[in-house]
């Protein structure tokens, strides 16, 4: 029983301590009720308003950029890779044919000159053979040259 008495005494001491603490809390509560404590949220409201305005301008700017991107995407033309390769292949072929044509055109004057010389040699050989076979024609030709040479 002695132990029960000790426990009872401890409990009564704790209860008395608790009651004293509650009394002090009640006094502090009454003292705080009398104080005019109103939180000032004007600075917080100003910060939130500024943040909201910044967010609004950022969102508007992003929407404008998105609209520009969408316009560019709508204007763009999507071609398959085989079409692009075919285009480049045809372009290379056209350039090769054009280059070969220019080369052939530049050689035309040389070909004409060679053909002229060949034709001249052939004609001279033909006339020379004719004049060798026909001495009368050769005499007439010589006379004609002398007459035209004098004039």
C-alpha atoms as a PDB file:
ATOM      1  CA  UNK A   1       0.000   0.000   0.000  1.00  0.00           C
ATOM      2  CA  UNK A   2       2.875   2.267   0.577  1.00  0.00           C
ATOM      3  CA  UNK A   3       3.531   2.267  -3.079  1.00  0.00           C
ATOM      4  CA  UNK A   4      -0.036   3.248  -3.831  1.00  0.00           C
ATOM      5  CA  UNK A   5       0.274   6.146  -1.437  1.00  0.00           C
ATOM      6  CA  UNK A   6       3.460   7.275  -3.182  1.00  0.00           C
ATOM      7  CA  UNK A   7       1.834   7.034  -6.586  1.00  0.00           C
ATOM      8  CA  UNK A   8      -1.219   8.937  -5.338  1.00  0.00           C
ATOM      9  CA  UNK A   9       1.005  11.677  -3.931  1.00  0.00           C
ATOM     10  CA  UNK A  10       2.902  11.961  -7.247  1.00  0.00           C
ATOM     11  CA  UNK A  11      -0.366  12.170  -9.150  1.00  0.00           C
ATOM     12  CA  UNK A  12      -1.718  14.896  -6.880  1.00  0.00           C
ATOM     13  CA  UNK A  13       1.531  16.847  -7.243  1.00  0.00           C
ATOM     14  CA  UNK A  14       1.339  16.518 -11.024  1.00  0.00           C
ATOM     15  CA  UNK A  15      -2.310  17.593 -11.026  1.00  0.00           C
ATOM     16  CA  UNK A  16      -1.455  20.656  -8.891  1.00  0.00           C
ATOM     17  CA  UNK A  17       1.425  21.528 -11.272  1.00  0.00           C
ATOM     18  CA  UNK A  18      -0.895  21.112 -14.228  1.00  0.00           C
ATOM     19  CA  UNK A  19      -3.516  23.375 -12.629  1.00  0.00           C
ATOM     20  CA  UNK A  20      -0.878  26.050 -11.985  1.00  0.00           C
ATOM     21  CA  UNK A  21       0.239  25.840 -15.605  1.00  0.00           C
ATOM     22  CA  UNK A  22      -3.340  26.203 -16.812  1.00  0.00           C
ATOM     23  CA  UNK A  23      -3.753  29.258 -14.583  1.00  0.00           C
ATOM     24  CA  UNK A  24      -0.683  30.866 -16.078  1.00  0.00           C
ATOM     25  CA  UNK A  25      -1.904  30.072 -19.582  1.00  0.00           C
ATOM     26  CA  UNK A  26      -5.280  31.657 -18.849  1.00  0.00           C
ATOM     27  CA  UNK A  27      -3.575  34.842 -17.636  1.00  0.00           C
ATOM     28  CA  UNK A  28      -1.351  34.962 -20.699  1.00  0.00           C
ATOM     29  CA  UNK A  29      -4.400  34.373 -22.900  1.00  0.00           C
ATOM     30  CA  UNK A  30      -6.278  37.251 -21.324  1.00  0.00           C
ATOM     31  CA  UNK A  31      -3.229  39.518 -21.722  1.00  0.00           C
ATOM     32  CA  UNK A  32      -2.978  38.603 -25.405  1.00  0.00           C
ATOM     33  CA  UNK A  33      -6.677  39.232 -25.983  1.00  0.00           C
ATOM     34  CA  UNK A  34      -6.196  42.807 -24.983  1.00  0.00           C
ATOM     35  CA  UNK A  35      -3.426  43.436 -27.504  1.00  0.00           C
ATOM     36  CA  UNK A  36      -4.570  44.859 -30.854  1.00  0.00           C
ATOM     37  CA  UNK A  37      -2.714  42.438 -33.122  1.00  0.00           C
ATOM     38  CA  UNK A  38      -3.649  42.694 -36.777  1.00  0.00           C
ATOM     39  CA  UNK A  39      -1.349  41.173 -39.399  1.00  0.00           C
ATOM     40  CA  UNK A  40      -0.215  43.561 -42.169  1.00  0.00           C
ATOM     41  CA  UNK A  41      -0.506  41.738 -45.494  1.00  0.00           C
ATOM     42  CA  UNK A  42      -0.103  44.763 -47.762  1.00  0.00           C
ATOM     43  CA  UNK A  43       3.515  43.901 -48.634  1.00  0.00           C
ATOM     44  CA  UNK A  44       2.563  40.300 -49.286  1.00  0.00           C
ATOM     45  CA  UNK A  45      -0.355  41.427 -51.469  1.00  0.00           C
ATOM     46  CA  UNK A  46       1.942  43.759 -53.445  1.00  0.00           C
ATOM     47  CA  UNK A  47       4.469  40.964 -54.005  1.00  0.00           C
ATOM     48  CA  UNK A  48       1.744  38.570 -55.105  1.00  0.00           C
ATOM     49  CA  UNK A  49       0.270  41.177 -57.458  1.00  0.00           C
ATOM     50  CA  UNK A  50       3.697  41.874 -59.013  1.00  0.00           C
ATOM     51  CA  UNK A  51       4.333  38.154 -59.395  1.00  0.00           C
ATOM     52  CA  UNK A  52       0.912  37.733 -61.013  1.00  0.00           C
ATOM     53  CA  UNK A  53       1.639  40.551 -63.475  1.00  0.00           C
ATOM     54  CA  UNK A  54       5.018  39.023 -64.351  1.00  0.00           C
ATOM     55  CA  UNK A  55       3.390  35.656 -64.898  1.00  0.00           C
ATOM     56  CA  UNK A  56       0.717  37.234 -67.083  1.00  0.00           C
ATOM     57  CA  UNK A  57       3.300  38.969 -69.316  1.00  0.00           C
ATOM     58  CA  UNK A  58       5.354  35.764 -69.535  1.00  0.00           C
ATOM     59  CA  UNK A  59       2.315  33.757 -70.584  1.00  0.00           C
ATOM     60  CA  UNK A  60       1.363  36.374 -73.206  1.00  0.00           C
ATOM     61  CA  UNK A  61       4.908  36.354 -74.615  1.00  0.00           C
ATOM     62  CA  UNK A  62       4.904  32.559 -74.765  1.00  0.00           C
ATOM     63  CA  UNK A  63       1.551  32.592 -76.554  1.00  0.00           C
ATOM     64  CA  UNK A  64       2.877  35.071 -79.146  1.00  0.00           C
ATOM     65  CA  UNK A  65       5.966  32.928 -79.707  1.00  0.00           C
ATOM     66  CA  UNK A  66       3.826  29.809 -80.013  1.00  0.00           C
ATOM     67  CA  UNK A  67       1.594  31.527 -82.587  1.00  0.00           C
ATOM     68  CA  UNK A  68       4.645  32.560 -84.634  1.00  0.00           C
ATOM     69  CA  UNK A  69       6.012  29.028 -84.488  1.00  0.00           C
ATOM     70  CA  UNK A  70       2.663  27.583 -85.554  1.00  0.00           C
ATOM     71  CA  UNK A  71       2.461  30.027 -88.474  1.00  0.00           C
ATOM     72  CA  UNK A  72       5.952  29.042 -89.620  1.00  0.00           C
ATOM     73  CA  UNK A  73       5.105  25.355 -89.282  1.00  0.00           C
ATOM     74  CA  UNK A  74       1.899  25.826 -91.289  1.00  0.00           C
ATOM     75  CA  UNK A  75       3.819  27.663 -94.028  1.00  0.00           C
ATOM     76  CA  UNK A  76       6.566  25.055 -94.150  1.00  0.00           C
ATOM     77  CA  UNK A  77       6.529  22.318 -96.741  1.00  0.00           C
ATOM     78  CA  UNK A  78       7.305  18.766 -95.791  1.00  0.00           C
ATOM     79  CA  UNK A  79       8.968  16.731 -98.529  1.00  0.00           C
ATOM     80  CA  UNK A  80       9.924  13.079 -98.300  1.00  0.00           C
ATOM     81  CA  UNK A  81      13.617  12.320 -98.363  1.00  0.00           C
ATOM     82  CA  UNK A  82      13.351  10.328-101.613  1.00  0.00           C
ATOM     83  CA  UNK A  83      11.908  13.385-103.381  1.00  0.00           C
ATOM     84  CA  UNK A  84      14.778  15.550-102.192  1.00  0.00           C
ATOM     85  CA  UNK A  85      17.334  12.925-103.306  1.00  0.00           C
ATOM     86  CA  UNK A  86      15.590  12.628-106.689  1.00  0.00           C
ATOM     87  CA  UNK A  87      15.666  16.415-107.106  1.00  0.00           C
ATOM     88  CA  UNK A  88      19.398  16.588-106.352  1.00  0.00           C
ATOM     89  CA  UNK A  89      20.080  13.657-108.672  1.00  0.00           C
ATOM     90  CA  UNK A  90      18.211  15.329-111.518  1.00  0.00           C
ATOM     91  CA  UNK A  91      19.983  18.603-110.827  1.00  0.00           C
ATOM     92  CA  UNK A  92      23.368  16.883-111.050  1.00  0.00           C
ATOM     93  CA  UNK A  93      22.349  15.185-114.328  1.00  0.00           C
ATOM     94  CA  UNK A  94      21.175  18.489-115.811  1.00  0.00           C
ATOM     95  CA  UNK A  95      24.431  20.169-114.816  1.00  0.00           C
ATOM     96  CA  UNK A  96      26.479  17.341-116.347  1.00  0.00           C
ATOM     97  CA  UNK A  97      24.536  17.518-119.625  1.00  0.00           C
ATOM     98  CA  UNK A  98      24.823  21.304-119.673  1.00  0.00           C
ATOM     99  CA  UNK A  99      28.578  21.126-119.047  1.00  0.00           C
ATOM    100  CA  UNK A 100      29.055  18.531-121.799  1.00  0.00           C
ATOM    101  CA  UNK A 101      27.003  20.678-124.203  1.00  0.00           C
ATOM    102  CA  UNK A 102      29.117  23.744-123.466  1.00  0.00           C
ATOM    103  CA  UNK A 103      32.257  21.669-124.036  1.00  0.00           C
ATOM    104  CA  UNK A 104      30.954  20.412-127.385  1.00  0.00           C
ATOM    105  CA  UNK A 105      29.925  23.921-128.453  1.00  0.00           C
ATOM    106  CA  UNK A 106      33.388  25.231-127.619  1.00  0.00           C
ATOM    107  CA  UNK A 107      34.907  22.545-129.873  1.00  0.00           C
ATOM    108  CA  UNK A 108      32.700  23.439-132.893  1.00  0.00           C
ATOM    109  CA  UNK A 109      35.126  26.042-134.272  1.00  0.00           C
ATOM    110  CA  UNK A 110      38.017  23.554-134.139  1.00  0.00           C
ATOM    111  CA  UNK A 111      35.907  20.925-135.916  1.00  0.00           C
ATOM    112  CA  UNK A 112      34.831  23.419-138.570  1.00  0.00           C
ATOM    113  CA  UNK A 113      38.432  24.463-139.163  1.00  0.00           C
ATOM    114  CA  UNK A 114      39.577  20.846-139.463  1.00  0.00           C
ATOM    115  CA  UNK A 115      36.698  20.082-141.881  1.00  0.00           C
ATOM    116  CA  UNK A 116      37.517  23.189-143.952  1.00  0.00           C
ATOM    117  CA  UNK A 117      41.190  22.201-144.248  1.00  0.00           C
ATOM    118  CA  UNK A 118      40.218  18.632-145.113  1.00  0.00           C
ATOM    119  CA  UNK A 119      37.728  19.879-147.758  1.00  0.00           C
ATOM    120  CA  UNK A 120      40.275  22.344-149.190  1.00  0.00           C
ATOM    121  CA  UNK A 121      42.904  19.605-149.492  1.00  0.00           C
ATOM    122  CA  UNK A 122      40.363  17.314-151.122  1.00  0.00           C
ATOM    123  CA  UNK A 123      39.276  19.986-153.627  1.00  0.00           C
ATOM    124  CA  UNK A 124      42.862  20.938-154.428  1.00  0.00           C
ATOM    125  CA  UNK A 125      43.725  17.292-154.958  1.00  0.00           C
ATOM    126  CA  UNK A 126      40.667  16.831-157.170  1.00  0.00           C
ATOM    127  CA  UNK A 127      41.458  19.938-159.284  1.00  0.00           C
ATOM    128  CA  UNK A 128      45.149  18.991-159.432  1.00  0.00           C
ATOM    129  CA  UNK A 129      44.240  15.506-160.745  1.00  0.00           C
ATOM    130  CA  UNK A 130      41.822  17.045-163.245  1.00  0.00           C
ATOM    131  CA  UNK A 131      44.397  19.537-164.505  1.00  0.00           C
ATOM    132  CA  UNK A 132      47.045  16.775-164.760  1.00  0.00           C
ATOM    133  CA  UNK A 133      44.699  14.619-166.840  1.00  0.00           C
ATOM    134  CA  UNK A 134      43.617  17.434-169.148  1.00  0.00           C
ATOM    135  CA  UNK A 135      46.511  19.627-170.390  1.00  0.00           C
ATOM    136  CA  UNK A 136      44.156  21.905-172.392  1.00  0.00           C
ATOM    137  CA  UNK A 137      42.212  22.818-169.253  1.00  0.00           C
ATOM    138  CA  UNK A 138      45.510  23.500-167.509  1.00  0.00           C
ATOM    139  CA  UNK A 139      46.623  25.938-170.284  1.00  0.00           C
ATOM    140  CA  UNK A 140      43.257  27.751-170.174  1.00  0.00           C
ATOM    141  CA  UNK A 141      43.512  28.006-166.380  1.00  0.00           C
ATOM    142  CA  UNK A 142      47.045  29.442-166.620  1.00  0.00           C
ATOM    143  CA  UNK A 143      45.877  32.084-169.125  1.00  0.00           C
ATOM    144  CA  UNK A 144      42.941  32.994-166.944  1.00  0.00           C
ATOM    145  CA  UNK A 145      45.261  33.422-163.933  1.00  0.00           C
ATOM    146  CA  UNK A 146      47.584  35.709-165.907  1.00  0.00           C
ATOM    147  CA  UNK A 147      44.732  37.875-167.137  1.00  0.00           C
ATOM    148  CA  UNK A 148      43.163  38.225-163.705  1.00  0.00           C
ATOM    149  CA  UNK A 149      46.534  38.767-162.080  1.00  0.00           C
ATOM    150  CA  UNK A 150      47.262  41.738-164.369  1.00  0.00           C
ATOM    151  CA  UNK A 151      44.035  43.429-163.652  1.00  0.00           C
END
